[in-house]
């Protein structure tokens, strides 16, 4: 089937390039968010150490930081809706033949919102785990 599609030039080469660029951009964003979350969580290592010294279990610290990562993902997904509407408006202003086919599909947008939440949770796993392994003794001593 893919061979036939290639011979018929159903999917132009620039679409394949756009898919690769979008995937690469997603991976770059994931790495950036993981780094930012790690820095943010470990910046509060004194607070985490005190919470652990007062009896907070590791899984509670892990769950808190994973919930924070999920909240960031939900905010990002919510900001995506007006940006998508803006992008569609800009696309419709162009005088290409395919611009009338560009529309907002609520089911597709909902799927992308769920994907944003899943990626946020996936990316937040490592920073949350690192934050939950902070040793309380060292942090309390330095605080």
C-alpha atoms as a PDB file:
ATOM      1  CA  UNK A   1       0.000   0.000   0.000  1.00  0.00           C
ATOM      2  CA  UNK A   2       2.759   2.454   0.905  1.00  0.00           C
ATOM      3  CA  UNK A   3       4.482   1.685  -2.391  1.00  0.00           C
ATOM      4  CA  UNK A   4       1.302   2.505  -4.326  1.00  0.00           C
ATOM      5  CA  UNK A   5       0.858   5.725  -2.374  1.00  0.00           C
ATOM      6  CA  UNK A   6       4.438   6.726  -3.217  1.00  0.00           C
ATOM      7  CA  UNK A   7       3.959   5.981  -6.937  1.00  0.00           C
ATOM      8  CA  UNK A   8       0.721   7.948  -7.026  1.00  0.00           C
ATOM      9  CA  UNK A   9       2.366  10.821  -5.102  1.00  0.00           C
ATOM     10  CA  UNK A  10      -0.575  10.902  -2.701  1.00  0.00           C
ATOM     11  CA  UNK A  11       1.569  12.167   0.169  1.00  0.00           C
ATOM     12  CA  UNK A  12       4.031  14.813  -1.042  1.00  0.00           C
ATOM     13  CA  UNK A  13       7.611  14.781   0.246  1.00  0.00           C
ATOM     14  CA  UNK A  14       7.177  18.092   2.075  1.00  0.00           C
ATOM     15  CA  UNK A  15       4.448  16.497   4.233  1.00  0.00           C
ATOM     16  CA  UNK A  16       6.858  13.736   5.270  1.00  0.00           C
ATOM     17  CA  UNK A  17       9.442  16.400   6.092  1.00  0.00           C
ATOM     18  CA  UNK A  18       6.870  18.296   8.172  1.00  0.00           C
ATOM     19  CA  UNK A  19       6.060  15.130  10.126  1.00  0.00           C
ATOM     20  CA  UNK A  20       9.754  14.565  10.884  1.00  0.00           C
ATOM     21  CA  UNK A  21      10.178  18.204  11.911  1.00  0.00           C
ATOM     22  CA  UNK A  22       7.112  18.058  14.169  1.00  0.00           C
ATOM     23  CA  UNK A  23       8.351  14.845  15.825  1.00  0.00           C
ATOM     24  CA  UNK A  24      11.799  16.325  16.347  1.00  0.00           C
ATOM     25  CA  UNK A  25      10.279  19.476  17.814  1.00  0.00           C
ATOM     26  CA  UNK A  26       8.188  17.360  20.202  1.00  0.00           C
ATOM     27  CA  UNK A  27      11.291  15.494  21.398  1.00  0.00           C
ATOM     28  CA  UNK A  28      13.158  18.761  21.859  1.00  0.00           C
ATOM     29  CA  UNK A  29      10.265  20.199  23.877  1.00  0.00           C
ATOM     30  CA  UNK A  30      10.093  17.053  26.001  1.00  0.00           C
ATOM     31  CA  UNK A  31      13.797  17.280  26.838  1.00  0.00           C
ATOM     32  CA  UNK A  32      13.448  20.985  27.635  1.00  0.00           C
ATOM     33  CA  UNK A  33      10.448  20.433  29.924  1.00  0.00           C
ATOM     34  CA  UNK A  34      12.231  17.578  31.708  1.00  0.00           C
ATOM     35  CA  UNK A  35      15.214  19.837  32.367  1.00  0.00           C
ATOM     36  CA  UNK A  36      13.058  22.708  33.575  1.00  0.00           C
ATOM     37  CA  UNK A  37      11.017  20.461  35.872  1.00  0.00           C
ATOM     38  CA  UNK A  38      14.167  18.897  37.299  1.00  0.00           C
ATOM     39  CA  UNK A  39      15.678  22.302  38.006  1.00  0.00           C
ATOM     40  CA  UNK A  40      12.430  23.557  39.528  1.00  0.00           C
ATOM     41  CA  UNK A  41      11.939  20.522  41.743  1.00  0.00           C
ATOM     42  CA  UNK A  42      15.535  20.289  42.926  1.00  0.00           C
ATOM     43  CA  UNK A  43      15.594  24.038  43.621  1.00  0.00           C
ATOM     44  CA  UNK A  44      13.083  23.254  46.359  1.00  0.00           C
ATOM     45  CA  UNK A  45      15.158  20.409  47.781  1.00  0.00           C
ATOM     46  CA  UNK A  46      15.368  22.164  51.166  1.00  0.00           C
ATOM     47  CA  UNK A  47      11.589  22.168  51.433  1.00  0.00           C
ATOM     48  CA  UNK A  48      11.452  18.550  50.282  1.00  0.00           C
ATOM     49  CA  UNK A  49      14.092  17.557  52.846  1.00  0.00           C
ATOM     50  CA  UNK A  50      12.156  19.187  55.673  1.00  0.00           C
ATOM     51  CA  UNK A  51       8.933  17.482  54.560  1.00  0.00           C
ATOM     52  CA  UNK A  52      10.733  14.141  54.470  1.00  0.00           C
ATOM     53  CA  UNK A  53      12.301  14.768  57.908  1.00  0.00           C
ATOM     54  CA  UNK A  54       8.839  15.506  59.302  1.00  0.00           C
ATOM     55  CA  UNK A  55       7.634  12.121  58.098  1.00  0.00           C
ATOM     56  CA  UNK A  56       6.401  12.548  54.531  1.00  0.00           C
ATOM     57  CA  UNK A  57       6.925   9.280  52.643  1.00  0.00           C
ATOM     58  CA  UNK A  58       8.778   9.236  49.332  1.00  0.00           C
ATOM     59  CA  UNK A  59       5.679   8.234  47.404  1.00  0.00           C
ATOM     60  CA  UNK A  60       3.828  11.328  48.703  1.00  0.00           C
ATOM     61  CA  UNK A  61       6.637  13.609  47.515  1.00  0.00           C
ATOM     62  CA  UNK A  62       6.700  11.739  44.191  1.00  0.00           C
ATOM     63  CA  UNK A  63       2.916  12.070  43.784  1.00  0.00           C
ATOM     64  CA  UNK A  64       3.003  15.792  44.590  1.00  0.00           C
ATOM     65  CA  UNK A  65       5.645  16.516  41.979  1.00  0.00           C
ATOM     66  CA  UNK A  66       3.978  14.303  39.390  1.00  0.00           C
ATOM     67  CA  UNK A  67       0.737  16.195  40.020  1.00  0.00           C
ATOM     68  CA  UNK A  68       2.593  19.461  39.455  1.00  0.00           C
ATOM     69  CA  UNK A  69       3.912  18.131  36.145  1.00  0.00           C
ATOM     70  CA  UNK A  70       0.356  17.140  35.182  1.00  0.00           C
ATOM     71  CA  UNK A  71      -0.906  20.629  36.089  1.00  0.00           C
ATOM     72  CA  UNK A  72       1.719  22.186  33.819  1.00  0.00           C
ATOM     73  CA  UNK A  73       0.562  19.854  31.040  1.00  0.00           C
ATOM     74  CA  UNK A  74      -3.078  20.803  31.522  1.00  0.00           C
ATOM     75  CA  UNK A  75      -2.201  24.510  31.355  1.00  0.00           C
ATOM     76  CA  UNK A  76      -0.178  23.869  28.197  1.00  0.00           C
ATOM     77  CA  UNK A  77      -3.039  21.928  26.655  1.00  0.00           C
ATOM     78  CA  UNK A  78      -5.505  24.685  27.566  1.00  0.00           C
ATOM     79  CA  UNK A  79      -3.259  27.316  25.963  1.00  0.00           C
ATOM     80  CA  UNK A  80      -3.108  25.185  22.825  1.00  0.00           C
ATOM     81  CA  UNK A  81      -6.767  25.859  21.958  1.00  0.00           C
ATOM     82  CA  UNK A  82      -6.466  29.621  21.349  1.00  0.00           C
ATOM     83  CA  UNK A  83      -3.136  29.092  19.594  1.00  0.00           C
ATOM     84  CA  UNK A  84      -4.752  26.491  17.324  1.00  0.00           C
ATOM     85  CA  UNK A  85      -7.623  28.841  16.508  1.00  0.00           C
ATOM     86  CA  UNK A  86      -5.095  31.596  15.745  1.00  0.00           C
ATOM     87  CA  UNK A  87      -3.095  29.253  13.497  1.00  0.00           C
ATOM     88  CA  UNK A  88      -6.223  28.223  11.604  1.00  0.00           C
ATOM     89  CA  UNK A  89      -7.199  31.859  11.148  1.00  0.00           C
ATOM     90  CA  UNK A  90      -3.743  32.658   9.735  1.00  0.00           C
ATOM     91  CA  UNK A  91      -3.907  29.616   7.465  1.00  0.00           C
ATOM     92  CA  UNK A  92      -7.299  30.626   6.099  1.00  0.00           C
ATOM     93  CA  UNK A  93      -5.944  34.076   5.201  1.00  0.00           C
ATOM     94  CA  UNK A  94      -3.598  32.454   2.677  1.00  0.00           C
ATOM     95  CA  UNK A  95      -4.790  32.029  -0.878  1.00  0.00           C
ATOM     96  CA  UNK A  96      -3.852  28.380  -1.343  1.00  0.00           C
ATOM     97  CA  UNK A  97      -6.332  25.820  -2.649  1.00  0.00           C
ATOM     98  CA  UNK A  98      -6.402  23.667   0.498  1.00  0.00           C
ATOM     99  CA  UNK A  99      -7.087  26.345   3.108  1.00  0.00           C
ATOM    100  CA  UNK A 100     -10.844  25.736   3.034  1.00  0.00           C
ATOM    101  CA  UNK A 101     -10.212  22.174   4.246  1.00  0.00           C
ATOM    102  CA  UNK A 102      -8.448  23.393   7.410  1.00  0.00           C
ATOM    103  CA  UNK A 103     -10.876  23.210  10.302  1.00  0.00           C
ATOM    104  CA  UNK A 104     -10.859  22.522  14.030  1.00  0.00           C
ATOM    105  CA  UNK A 105     -11.834  18.938  14.747  1.00  0.00           C
ATOM    106  CA  UNK A 106     -12.936  18.688  18.408  1.00  0.00           C
ATOM    107  CA  UNK A 107     -12.249  14.939  18.600  1.00  0.00           C
ATOM    108  CA  UNK A 108      -8.736  15.410  17.225  1.00  0.00           C
ATOM    109  CA  UNK A 109      -8.104  18.332  19.569  1.00  0.00           C
ATOM    110  CA  UNK A 110      -9.349  16.260  22.519  1.00  0.00           C
ATOM    111  CA  UNK A 111      -6.965  13.468  21.522  1.00  0.00           C
ATOM    112  CA  UNK A 112      -4.104  15.943  21.324  1.00  0.00           C
ATOM    113  CA  UNK A 113      -5.040  17.326  24.742  1.00  0.00           C
ATOM    114  CA  UNK A 114      -4.864  13.802  26.178  1.00  0.00           C
ATOM    115  CA  UNK A 115      -1.535  13.310  24.385  1.00  0.00           C
ATOM    116  CA  UNK A 116      -0.203  16.537  25.953  1.00  0.00           C
ATOM    117  CA  UNK A 117      -1.231  15.304  29.395  1.00  0.00           C
ATOM    118  CA  UNK A 118       0.360  11.883  28.799  1.00  0.00           C
ATOM    119  CA  UNK A 119       3.601  13.434  27.527  1.00  0.00           C
ATOM    120  CA  UNK A 120       3.667  15.793  30.512  1.00  0.00           C
ATOM    121  CA  UNK A 121       3.275  12.901  32.923  1.00  0.00           C
ATOM    122  CA  UNK A 122       5.900  10.854  31.090  1.00  0.00           C
ATOM    123  CA  UNK A 123       8.362  13.732  31.099  1.00  0.00           C
ATOM    124  CA  UNK A 124       7.580  14.494  34.754  1.00  0.00           C
ATOM    125  CA  UNK A 125       8.402  10.967  35.952  1.00  0.00           C
ATOM    126  CA  UNK A 126      12.172  11.423  36.139  1.00  0.00           C
ATOM    127  CA  UNK A 127      12.152  14.871  37.828  1.00  0.00           C
ATOM    128  CA  UNK A 128       9.530  13.692  40.332  1.00  0.00           C
ATOM    129  CA  UNK A 129      11.572  10.575  41.106  1.00  0.00           C
ATOM    130  CA  UNK A 130      14.728  12.661  41.567  1.00  0.00           C
ATOM    131  CA  UNK A 131      12.873  15.011  43.909  1.00  0.00           C
ATOM    132  CA  UNK A 132      11.540  12.094  45.949  1.00  0.00           C
ATOM    133  CA  UNK A 133      15.043  10.683  46.485  1.00  0.00           C
ATOM    134  CA  UNK A 134      16.348  13.833  48.213  1.00  0.00           C
ATOM    135  CA  UNK A 135      18.010  12.857  51.482  1.00  0.00           C
ATOM    136  CA  UNK A 136      16.337  14.718  54.349  1.00  0.00           C
ATOM    137  CA  UNK A 137      19.349  14.734  56.660  1.00  0.00           C
ATOM    138  CA  UNK A 138      21.594  16.665  54.314  1.00  0.00           C
ATOM    139  CA  UNK A 139      18.901  19.184  53.455  1.00  0.00           C
ATOM    140  CA  UNK A 140      17.878  19.865  57.069  1.00  0.00           C
ATOM    141  CA  UNK A 141      21.534  20.289  58.050  1.00  0.00           C
ATOM    142  CA  UNK A 142      22.113  22.869  55.293  1.00  0.00           C
ATOM    143  CA  UNK A 143      18.824  24.720  55.894  1.00  0.00           C
END
